[in-house]
Amino acid sequence: MELRVLSLYPEQMNIYADRGNIIFLRRRCEWREVGFSHRGAGPGEGFDPAEHDLLYIGGGQDRDQKAVAADMVATKREAIAAAADDGAVLLAVCGGYQLLGHSYQMGAEKLPGLGIADLETVREPGPRLIGNVAIEADLGGGPRLIAGFENHGGRTYLGSRATPLGKVVSGHGNNDRDEFEGIKRDNVIGTYLHGPLLPKNAWLADHLIALALERRYGTKPELAPLPDDLETAAHESARRAASSA
């Protein structure tokens, strides 16, 4: 078996150590002797939606997000939508999450979105939403906690056809009002949680790996358990930080 991963705009959308998510996926595959291939697609580059089973979009500074938004819609929107509709896993973090929606209103400027998730993001008056965060999410098998760090000026509002990733336990979430965080749609997950996200939530990394391999090979594999003492400690530390915020 081989996990085939594509990072979108890896040079532009990579703040808050979010590259660590890709490293963590690679390591968990290598430890299980699962093959791992990874490539990036930057400005102006298209891709074959059937070639990769896990797509990743990280977070970026406002200037980087502005630089990639129109390019993503023009050169990658159709392929991203086709991959998502065909069961590929898509993990989008912070700025990448915002670009899943219809648009991002930044004052007088409106950034175009991919339109593959029913959400809108608006830069409203008020402080940035910053701090440690924990949410309760059910991706099958019952509710579990996801912990991370958020830092966003935009407020995201889900539409009537959208399902939140989880409910905020501690922190701000999408907009600091409705107690929702992130979005999930089929195998698409959008979230504000940085830090990076996956090393603090090893179970979520394994969930995404299994979904991606299922898309490629037709059956969901039973991933061998790993000695996750360090990963568990990182998760517990993130949870405590969110609880004390």
C-alpha atoms as a PDB file:
ATOM      1  CA  MET A   1       0.000   0.000   0.000  1.00  0.00           C
ATOM      2  CA  GLU A   2       1.035   3.578  -0.579  1.00  0.00           C
ATOM      3  CA  LEU A   3      -0.387   6.841   0.726  1.00  0.00           C
ATOM      4  CA  ARG A   4      -0.330   9.468  -2.029  1.00  0.00           C
ATOM      5  CA  VAL A   5      -0.308  13.025  -0.686  1.00  0.00           C
ATOM      6  CA  LEU A   6      -0.465  16.366  -2.488  1.00  0.00           C
ATOM      7  CA  SER A   7       0.303  19.662  -0.730  1.00  0.00           C
ATOM      8  CA  LEU A   8      -1.269  22.711  -2.337  1.00  0.00           C
ATOM      9  CA  TYR A   9       0.897  25.857  -2.224  1.00  0.00           C
ATOM     10  CA  PRO A  10       3.440  24.374   0.212  1.00  0.00           C
ATOM     11  CA  GLU A  11       5.718  27.406  -0.035  1.00  0.00           C
ATOM     12  CA  GLN A  12       2.998  30.007   0.455  1.00  0.00           C
ATOM     13  CA  MET A  13       0.653  28.282   2.923  1.00  0.00           C
ATOM     14  CA  ASN A  14       2.906  26.948   5.647  1.00  0.00           C
ATOM     15  CA  ILE A  15       2.781  29.014   8.857  1.00  0.00           C
ATOM     16  CA  TYR A  16       2.640  27.762  12.472  1.00  0.00           C
ATOM     17  CA  ALA A  17       4.723  24.653  11.693  1.00  0.00           C
ATOM     18  CA  ASP A  18       1.886  23.229   9.635  1.00  0.00           C
ATOM     19  CA  ARG A  19       4.438  21.387   7.492  1.00  0.00           C
ATOM     20  CA  GLY A  20       4.686  19.123  10.514  1.00  0.00           C
ATOM     21  CA  ASN A  21       1.356  17.613   9.500  1.00  0.00           C
ATOM     22  CA  ILE A  22       2.940  16.151   6.359  1.00  0.00           C
ATOM     23  CA  ILE A  23       6.006  14.953   8.258  1.00  0.00           C
ATOM     24  CA  PHE A  24       3.766  13.253  10.804  1.00  0.00           C
ATOM     25  CA  LEU A  25       1.742  11.480   8.118  1.00  0.00           C
ATOM     26  CA  ARG A  26       4.962  10.278   6.516  1.00  0.00           C
ATOM     27  CA  ARG A  27       6.364   8.951   9.777  1.00  0.00           C
ATOM     28  CA  ARG A  28       3.201   7.073  10.716  1.00  0.00           C
ATOM     29  CA  CYS A  29       3.184   5.422   7.322  1.00  0.00           C
ATOM     30  CA  GLU A  30       6.893   4.551   7.477  1.00  0.00           C
ATOM     31  CA  TRP A  31       6.567   3.058  10.958  1.00  0.00           C
ATOM     32  CA  ARG A  32       3.885   0.744   9.585  1.00  0.00           C
ATOM     33  CA  GLU A  33       5.804  -0.005   6.362  1.00  0.00           C
ATOM     34  CA  VAL A  34       3.143   1.737   4.301  1.00  0.00           C
ATOM     35  CA  GLY A  35       4.547   3.499   1.243  1.00  0.00           C
ATOM     36  CA  PHE A  36       4.383   7.277   1.134  1.00  0.00           C
ATOM     37  CA  SER A  37       4.608   9.630  -1.832  1.00  0.00           C
ATOM     38  CA  HIS A  38       4.379  13.399  -1.609  1.00  0.00           C
ATOM     39  CA  ARG A  39       4.436  16.219  -4.080  1.00  0.00           C
ATOM     40  CA  GLY A  40       3.448  19.854  -4.142  1.00  0.00           C
ATOM     41  CA  ALA A  41       1.419  21.985  -6.545  1.00  0.00           C
ATOM     42  CA  GLY A  42       2.164  25.696  -6.508  1.00  0.00           C
ATOM     43  CA  PRO A  43       0.958  28.742  -8.433  1.00  0.00           C
ATOM     44  CA  GLY A  44      -0.142  27.969 -11.976  1.00  0.00           C
ATOM     45  CA  GLU A  45       0.166  24.206 -11.535  1.00  0.00           C
ATOM     46  CA  GLY A  46      -2.743  21.851 -12.048  1.00  0.00           C
ATOM     47  CA  PHE A  47      -2.967  18.213 -11.001  1.00  0.00           C
ATOM     48  CA  ASP A  48      -4.729  14.952 -11.788  1.00  0.00           C
ATOM     49  CA  PRO A  49      -7.522  14.458  -9.199  1.00  0.00           C
ATOM     50  CA  ALA A  50      -7.180  10.664  -9.436  1.00  0.00           C
ATOM     51  CA  GLU A  51      -3.455  10.651  -8.688  1.00  0.00           C
ATOM     52  CA  HIS A  52      -3.546  11.662  -5.021  1.00  0.00           C
ATOM     53  CA  ASP A  53      -5.724  10.357  -2.196  1.00  0.00           C
ATOM     54  CA  LEU A  54      -4.971  13.005   0.456  1.00  0.00           C
ATOM     55  CA  LEU A  55      -4.857  16.713  -0.362  1.00  0.00           C
ATOM     56  CA  TYR A  56      -3.518  19.246   2.119  1.00  0.00           C
ATOM     57  CA  ILE A  57      -3.815  23.035   2.285  1.00  0.00           C
ATOM     58  CA  GLY A  58      -2.047  24.809   5.141  1.00  0.00           C
ATOM     59  CA  GLY A  59      -2.457  28.264   6.597  1.00  0.00           C
ATOM     60  CA  GLY A  60      -0.836  31.439   5.338  1.00  0.00           C
ATOM     61  CA  GLN A  61      -0.361  35.089   6.102  1.00  0.00           C
ATOM     62  CA  ASP A  62      -2.969  37.441   4.596  1.00  0.00           C
ATOM     63  CA  ARG A  63      -0.626  38.474   1.784  1.00  0.00           C
ATOM     64  CA  ASP A  64       0.032  34.839   0.865  1.00  0.00           C
ATOM     65  CA  GLN A  65      -3.635  33.957   1.048  1.00  0.00           C
ATOM     66  CA  LYS A  66      -4.443  36.830  -1.288  1.00  0.00           C
ATOM     67  CA  ALA A  67      -1.717  35.673  -3.664  1.00  0.00           C
ATOM     68  CA  VAL A  68      -3.019  32.117  -3.954  1.00  0.00           C
ATOM     69  CA  ALA A  69      -6.812  32.594  -3.766  1.00  0.00           C
ATOM     70  CA  ALA A  70      -7.465  33.564  -7.385  1.00  0.00           C
ATOM     71  CA  ASP A  71      -4.819  31.141  -8.671  1.00  0.00           C
ATOM     72  CA  MET A  72      -6.365  28.261  -6.731  1.00  0.00           C
ATOM     73  CA  VAL A  73      -9.797  28.931  -8.198  1.00  0.00           C
ATOM     74  CA  ALA A  74      -8.405  29.326 -11.717  1.00  0.00           C
ATOM     75  CA  THR A  75      -5.946  26.419 -11.838  1.00  0.00           C
ATOM     76  CA  LYS A  76      -7.047  23.885  -9.212  1.00  0.00           C
ATOM     77  CA  ARG A  77     -10.710  24.341  -8.328  1.00  0.00           C
ATOM     78  CA  GLU A  78     -12.074  21.743 -10.746  1.00  0.00           C
ATOM     79  CA  ALA A  79      -9.474  19.146  -9.768  1.00  0.00           C
ATOM     80  CA  ILE A  80      -9.982  19.743  -6.026  1.00  0.00           C
ATOM     81  CA  ALA A  81     -13.762  19.450  -6.374  1.00  0.00           C
ATOM     82  CA  ALA A  82     -13.457  16.295  -8.500  1.00  0.00           C
ATOM     83  CA  ALA A  83     -11.090  14.675  -6.007  1.00  0.00           C
ATOM     84  CA  ALA A  84     -13.338  15.541  -3.048  1.00  0.00           C
ATOM     85  CA  ASP A  85     -16.450  14.259  -4.836  1.00  0.00           C
ATOM     86  CA  ASP A  86     -14.579  11.008  -5.584  1.00  0.00           C
ATOM     87  CA  GLY A  87     -13.751  10.367  -1.934  1.00  0.00           C
ATOM     88  CA  ALA A  88     -10.282  11.845  -1.617  1.00  0.00           C
ATOM     89  CA  VAL A  89      -9.346  13.179   1.805  1.00  0.00           C
ATOM     90  CA  LEU A  90      -8.893  16.943   1.977  1.00  0.00           C
ATOM     91  CA  LEU A  91      -7.475  18.555   5.106  1.00  0.00           C
ATOM     92  CA  ALA A  92      -7.512  22.355   5.026  1.00  0.00           C
ATOM     93  CA  VAL A  93      -6.117  24.382   7.937  1.00  0.00           C
ATOM     94  CA  CYS A  94      -6.880  28.017   8.794  1.00  0.00           C
ATOM     95  CA  GLY A  95      -6.280  30.034   5.609  1.00  0.00           C
ATOM     96  CA  GLY A  96      -6.809  26.871   3.588  1.00  0.00           C
ATOM     97  CA  TYR A  97     -10.043  26.258   5.464  1.00  0.00           C
ATOM     98  CA  GLN A  98     -11.286  29.767   4.694  1.00  0.00           C
ATOM     99  CA  LEU A  99     -10.641  29.212   0.990  1.00  0.00           C
ATOM    100  CA  LEU A 100     -12.911  26.153   0.932  1.00  0.00           C
ATOM    101  CA  GLY A 101     -15.928  28.438   1.160  1.00  0.00           C
ATOM    102  CA  HIS A 102     -17.645  30.813  -1.206  1.00  0.00           C
ATOM    103  CA  SER A 103     -15.530  33.859  -0.384  1.00  0.00           C
ATOM    104  CA  TYR A 104     -13.529  35.724   2.240  1.00  0.00           C
ATOM    105  CA  GLN A 105     -14.528  39.350   2.710  1.00  0.00           C
ATOM    106  CA  MET A 106     -11.453  41.296   3.878  1.00  0.00           C
ATOM    107  CA  GLY A 107     -12.697  44.852   4.264  1.00  0.00           C
ATOM    108  CA  ALA A 108     -13.312  46.248   0.793  1.00  0.00           C
ATOM    109  CA  GLU A 109     -11.613  43.261  -0.850  1.00  0.00           C
ATOM    110  CA  LYS A 110     -13.346  39.925  -1.440  1.00  0.00           C
ATOM    111  CA  LEU A 111     -11.160  36.867  -2.006  1.00  0.00           C
ATOM    112  CA  PRO A 112     -12.734  34.152  -4.159  1.00  0.00           C
ATOM    113  CA  GLY A 113     -13.224  30.745  -2.601  1.00  0.00           C
ATOM    114  CA  LEU A 114     -13.392  27.243  -4.002  1.00  0.00           C
ATOM    115  CA  GLY A 115     -17.083  26.916  -3.187  1.00  0.00           C
ATOM    116  CA  ILE A 116     -16.788  23.265  -2.187  1.00  0.00           C
ATOM    117  CA  ALA A 117     -18.024  23.966   1.354  1.00  0.00           C
ATOM    118  CA  ASP A 118     -21.058  26.026   2.324  1.00  0.00           C
ATOM    119  CA  LEU A 119     -19.394  28.753   4.378  1.00  0.00           C
ATOM    120  CA  GLU A 120     -18.458  32.415   4.249  1.00  0.00           C
ATOM    121  CA  THR A 121     -15.633  34.179   6.056  1.00  0.00           C
ATOM    122  CA  VAL A 122     -15.682  37.872   6.973  1.00  0.00           C
ATOM    123  CA  ARG A 123     -13.043  40.116   8.532  1.00  0.00           C
ATOM    124  CA  GLU A 124     -15.165  41.889  11.136  1.00  0.00           C
ATOM    125  CA  PRO A 125     -14.263  44.558  13.693  1.00  0.00           C
ATOM    126  CA  GLY A 126     -12.842  43.095  16.859  1.00  0.00           C
ATOM    127  CA  PRO A 127      -9.748  41.304  18.117  1.00  0.00           C
ATOM    128  CA  ARG A 128      -8.117  38.336  16.466  1.00  0.00           C
ATOM    129  CA  LEU A 129      -9.244  34.998  17.834  1.00  0.00           C
ATOM    130  CA  ILE A 130      -6.053  33.634  19.347  1.00  0.00           C
ATOM    131  CA  GLY A 131      -5.290  30.864  21.796  1.00  0.00           C
ATOM    132  CA  ASN A 132      -5.341  27.185  22.581  1.00  0.00           C
ATOM    133  CA  VAL A 133      -8.535  25.415  21.630  1.00  0.00           C
ATOM    134  CA  ALA A 134     -10.197  22.049  22.145  1.00  0.00           C
ATOM    135  CA  ILE A 135     -13.246  20.740  20.330  1.00  0.00           C
ATOM    136  CA  GLU A 136     -15.394  17.634  20.558  1.00  0.00           C
ATOM    137  CA  ALA A 137     -15.809  15.894  17.208  1.00  0.00           C
ATOM    138  CA  ASP A 138     -17.413  12.640  16.094  1.00  0.00           C
ATOM    139  CA  LEU A 139     -15.869  11.216  12.925  1.00  0.00           C
ATOM    140  CA  GLY A 140     -17.303   7.776  13.577  1.00  0.00           C
ATOM    141  CA  GLY A 141     -16.956   5.686  16.702  1.00  0.00           C
ATOM    142  CA  GLY A 142     -18.180   8.334  19.121  1.00  0.00           C
ATOM    143  CA  PRO A 143     -17.045  11.799  20.214  1.00  0.00           C
ATOM    144  CA  ARG A 144     -13.347  12.525  20.734  1.00  0.00           C
ATOM    145  CA  LEU A 145     -11.372  15.640  21.567  1.00  0.00           C
ATOM    146  CA  ILE A 146      -9.200  17.478  19.051  1.00  0.00           C
ATOM    147  CA  ALA A 147      -6.762  20.017  20.471  1.00  0.00           C
ATOM    148  CA  GLY A 148      -4.714  22.722  18.776  1.00  0.00           C
ATOM    149  CA  PHE A 149      -3.999  26.431  18.476  1.00  0.00           C
ATOM    150  CA  GLU A 150      -5.984  29.097  16.637  1.00  0.00           C
ATOM    151  CA  ASN A 151      -5.012  32.557  15.384  1.00  0.00           C
ATOM    152  CA  HIS A 152      -7.392  34.111  12.879  1.00  0.00           C
ATOM    153  CA  GLY A 153      -8.839  37.528  12.154  1.00  0.00           C
ATOM    154  CA  GLY A 154     -11.633  36.225   9.948  1.00  0.00           C
ATOM    155  CA  ARG A 155     -14.903  34.933  11.347  1.00  0.00           C
ATOM    156  CA  THR A 156     -16.341  31.928   9.522  1.00  0.00           C
ATOM    157  CA  TYR A 157     -20.078  31.270   9.309  1.00  0.00           C
ATOM    158  CA  LEU A 158     -21.462  27.948   8.116  1.00  0.00           C
ATOM    159  CA  GLY A 159     -24.370  27.813   5.715  1.00  0.00           C
ATOM    160  CA  SER A 160     -27.497  25.701   6.073  1.00  0.00           C
ATOM    161  CA  ARG A 161     -25.935  22.812   4.129  1.00  0.00           C
ATOM    162  CA  ALA A 162     -22.768  22.699   6.230  1.00  0.00           C
ATOM    163  CA  THR A 163     -21.877  20.395   9.112  1.00  0.00           C
ATOM    164  CA  PRO A 164     -19.366  21.632  11.691  1.00  0.00           C
ATOM    165  CA  LEU A 165     -16.316  19.537  12.446  1.00  0.00           C
ATOM    166  CA  GLY A 166     -17.028  19.826  16.147  1.00  0.00           C
ATOM    167  CA  LYS A 167     -18.333  21.777  19.099  1.00  0.00           C
ATOM    168  CA  VAL A 168     -16.004  24.115  20.974  1.00  0.00           C
ATOM    169  CA  VAL A 169     -15.046  22.916  24.462  1.00  0.00           C
ATOM    170  CA  SER A 170     -12.439  25.622  25.073  1.00  0.00           C
ATOM    171  CA  GLY A 171     -11.400  28.489  22.814  1.00  0.00           C
ATOM    172  CA  HIS A 172     -13.106  30.552  20.139  1.00  0.00           C
ATOM    173  CA  GLY A 173     -13.816  28.345  17.123  1.00  0.00           C
ATOM    174  CA  ASN A 174     -15.239  29.576  13.836  1.00  0.00           C
ATOM    175  CA  ASN A 175     -16.503  32.946  15.016  1.00  0.00           C
ATOM    176  CA  ASP A 176     -16.594  33.044  18.850  1.00  0.00           C
ATOM    177  CA  ARG A 177     -20.400  33.087  18.743  1.00  0.00           C
ATOM    178  CA  ASP A 178     -22.037  29.839  17.660  1.00  0.00           C
ATOM    179  CA  GLU A 179     -19.658  27.432  19.495  1.00  0.00           C
ATOM    180  CA  PHE A 180     -18.848  25.554  16.286  1.00  0.00           C
ATOM    181  CA  GLU A 181     -15.395  24.830  14.909  1.00  0.00           C
ATOM    182  CA  GLY A 182     -14.422  23.747  11.440  1.00  0.00           C
ATOM    183  CA  ILE A 183     -16.423  21.907   8.822  1.00  0.00           C
ATOM    184  CA  LYS A 184     -16.725  18.340   7.592  1.00  0.00           C
ATOM    185  CA  ARG A 185     -18.168  17.192   4.285  1.00  0.00           C
ATOM    186  CA  ASP A 186     -17.645  13.597   3.206  1.00  0.00           C
ATOM    187  CA  ASN A 187     -13.845  13.190   3.554  1.00  0.00           C
ATOM    188  CA  VAL A 188     -13.236  16.952   3.554  1.00  0.00           C
ATOM    189  CA  ILE A 189     -12.170  18.547   6.850  1.00  0.00           C
ATOM    190  CA  GLY A 190     -11.571  22.245   7.377  1.00  0.00           C
ATOM    191  CA  THR A 191     -10.371  23.615  10.705  1.00  0.00           C
ATOM    192  CA  TYR A 192      -8.676  26.599  12.313  1.00  0.00           C
ATOM    193  CA  LEU A 193      -6.477  24.351  14.464  1.00  0.00           C
ATOM    194  CA  HIS A 194      -2.750  24.830  13.903  1.00  0.00           C
ATOM    195  CA  GLY A 195       0.151  23.808  15.957  1.00  0.00           C
ATOM    196  CA  PRO A 196       0.631  21.577  13.891  1.00  0.00           C
ATOM    197  CA  LEU A 197      -2.647  19.727  14.262  1.00  0.00           C
ATOM    198  CA  LEU A 198      -1.856  16.069  13.561  1.00  0.00           C
ATOM    199  CA  PRO A 199       1.088  15.429  15.938  1.00  0.00           C
ATOM    200  CA  LYS A 200      -1.181  16.588  18.774  1.00  0.00           C
ATOM    201  CA  ASN A 201      -4.018  14.320  17.596  1.00  0.00           C
ATOM    202  CA  ALA A 202      -2.486  11.067  16.367  1.00  0.00           C
ATOM    203  CA  TRP A 203      -5.858   9.346  16.162  1.00  0.00           C
ATOM    204  CA  LEU A 204      -7.000  11.961  13.651  1.00  0.00           C
ATOM    205  CA  ALA A 205      -3.885  11.408  11.517  1.00  0.00           C
ATOM    206  CA  ASP A 206      -4.593   7.666  11.467  1.00  0.00           C
ATOM    207  CA  HIS A 207      -8.233   8.304  10.594  1.00  0.00           C
ATOM    208  CA  LEU A 208      -7.199  10.363   7.566  1.00  0.00           C
ATOM    209  CA  ILE A 209      -4.594   7.805   6.484  1.00  0.00           C
ATOM    210  CA  ALA A 210      -7.152   5.004   6.628  1.00  0.00           C
ATOM    211  CA  LEU A 211      -9.740   6.985   4.643  1.00  0.00           C
ATOM    212  CA  ALA A 212      -7.193   7.847   1.959  1.00  0.00           C
ATOM    213  CA  LEU A 213      -5.996   4.251   1.641  1.00  0.00           C
ATOM    214  CA  GLU A 214      -9.602   3.076   1.430  1.00  0.00           C
ATOM    215  CA  ARG A 215     -10.147   5.376  -1.520  1.00  0.00           C
ATOM    216  CA  ARG A 216      -7.159   3.880  -3.330  1.00  0.00           C
ATOM    217  CA  TYR A 217      -7.617   0.203  -2.467  1.00  0.00           C
ATOM    218  CA  GLY A 218     -11.345  -0.182  -1.887  1.00  0.00           C
ATOM    219  CA  THR A 219     -11.278  -1.369   1.726  1.00  0.00           C
ATOM    220  CA  LYS A 220     -10.425   0.492   4.911  1.00  0.00           C
ATOM    221  CA  PRO A 221      -7.244  -0.996   6.357  1.00  0.00           C
ATOM    222  CA  GLU A 222      -6.684  -1.962   9.973  1.00  0.00           C
ATOM    223  CA  LEU A 223      -3.669   0.142  10.839  1.00  0.00           C
ATOM    224  CA  ALA A 224      -1.236  -1.489  13.233  1.00  0.00           C
ATOM    225  CA  PRO A 225      -1.143   0.273  16.630  1.00  0.00           C
ATOM    226  CA  LEU A 226       1.923   2.357  17.406  1.00  0.00           C
ATOM    227  CA  PRO A 227       3.626   3.158  20.737  1.00  0.00           C
ATOM    228  CA  ASP A 228       2.170   6.657  21.002  1.00  0.00           C
ATOM    229  CA  ASP A 229       3.492   7.748  24.395  1.00  0.00           C
ATOM    230  CA  LEU A 230       4.922  11.009  23.045  1.00  0.00           C
ATOM    231  CA  GLU A 231       1.874  11.698  20.901  1.00  0.00           C
ATOM    232  CA  THR A 232      -0.446  11.081  23.851  1.00  0.00           C
ATOM    233  CA  ALA A 233       1.619  13.420  26.015  1.00  0.00           C
ATOM    234  CA  ALA A 234       1.459  16.114  23.312  1.00  0.00           C
ATOM    235  CA  HIS A 235      -2.320  15.727  23.096  1.00  0.00           C
ATOM    236  CA  GLU A 236      -2.778  15.908  26.854  1.00  0.00           C
ATOM    237  CA  SER A 237      -0.547  18.981  27.051  1.00  0.00           C
ATOM    238  CA  ALA A 238      -2.588  20.708  24.335  1.00  0.00           C
ATOM    239  CA  ARG A 239      -5.829  19.806  26.115  1.00  0.00           C
ATOM    240  CA  ARG A 240      -4.566  21.206  29.410  1.00  0.00           C
ATOM    241  CA  ALA A 241      -3.416  24.390  27.716  1.00  0.00           C
ATOM    242  CA  ALA A 242      -6.858  24.857  26.174  1.00  0.00           C
ATOM    243  CA  SER A 243      -8.620  24.153  29.465  1.00  0.00           C
ATOM    244  CA  SER A 244      -6.535  26.716  31.347  1.00  0.00           C
ATOM    245  CA  ALA A 245      -6.963  29.458  28.721  1.00  0.00           C
END
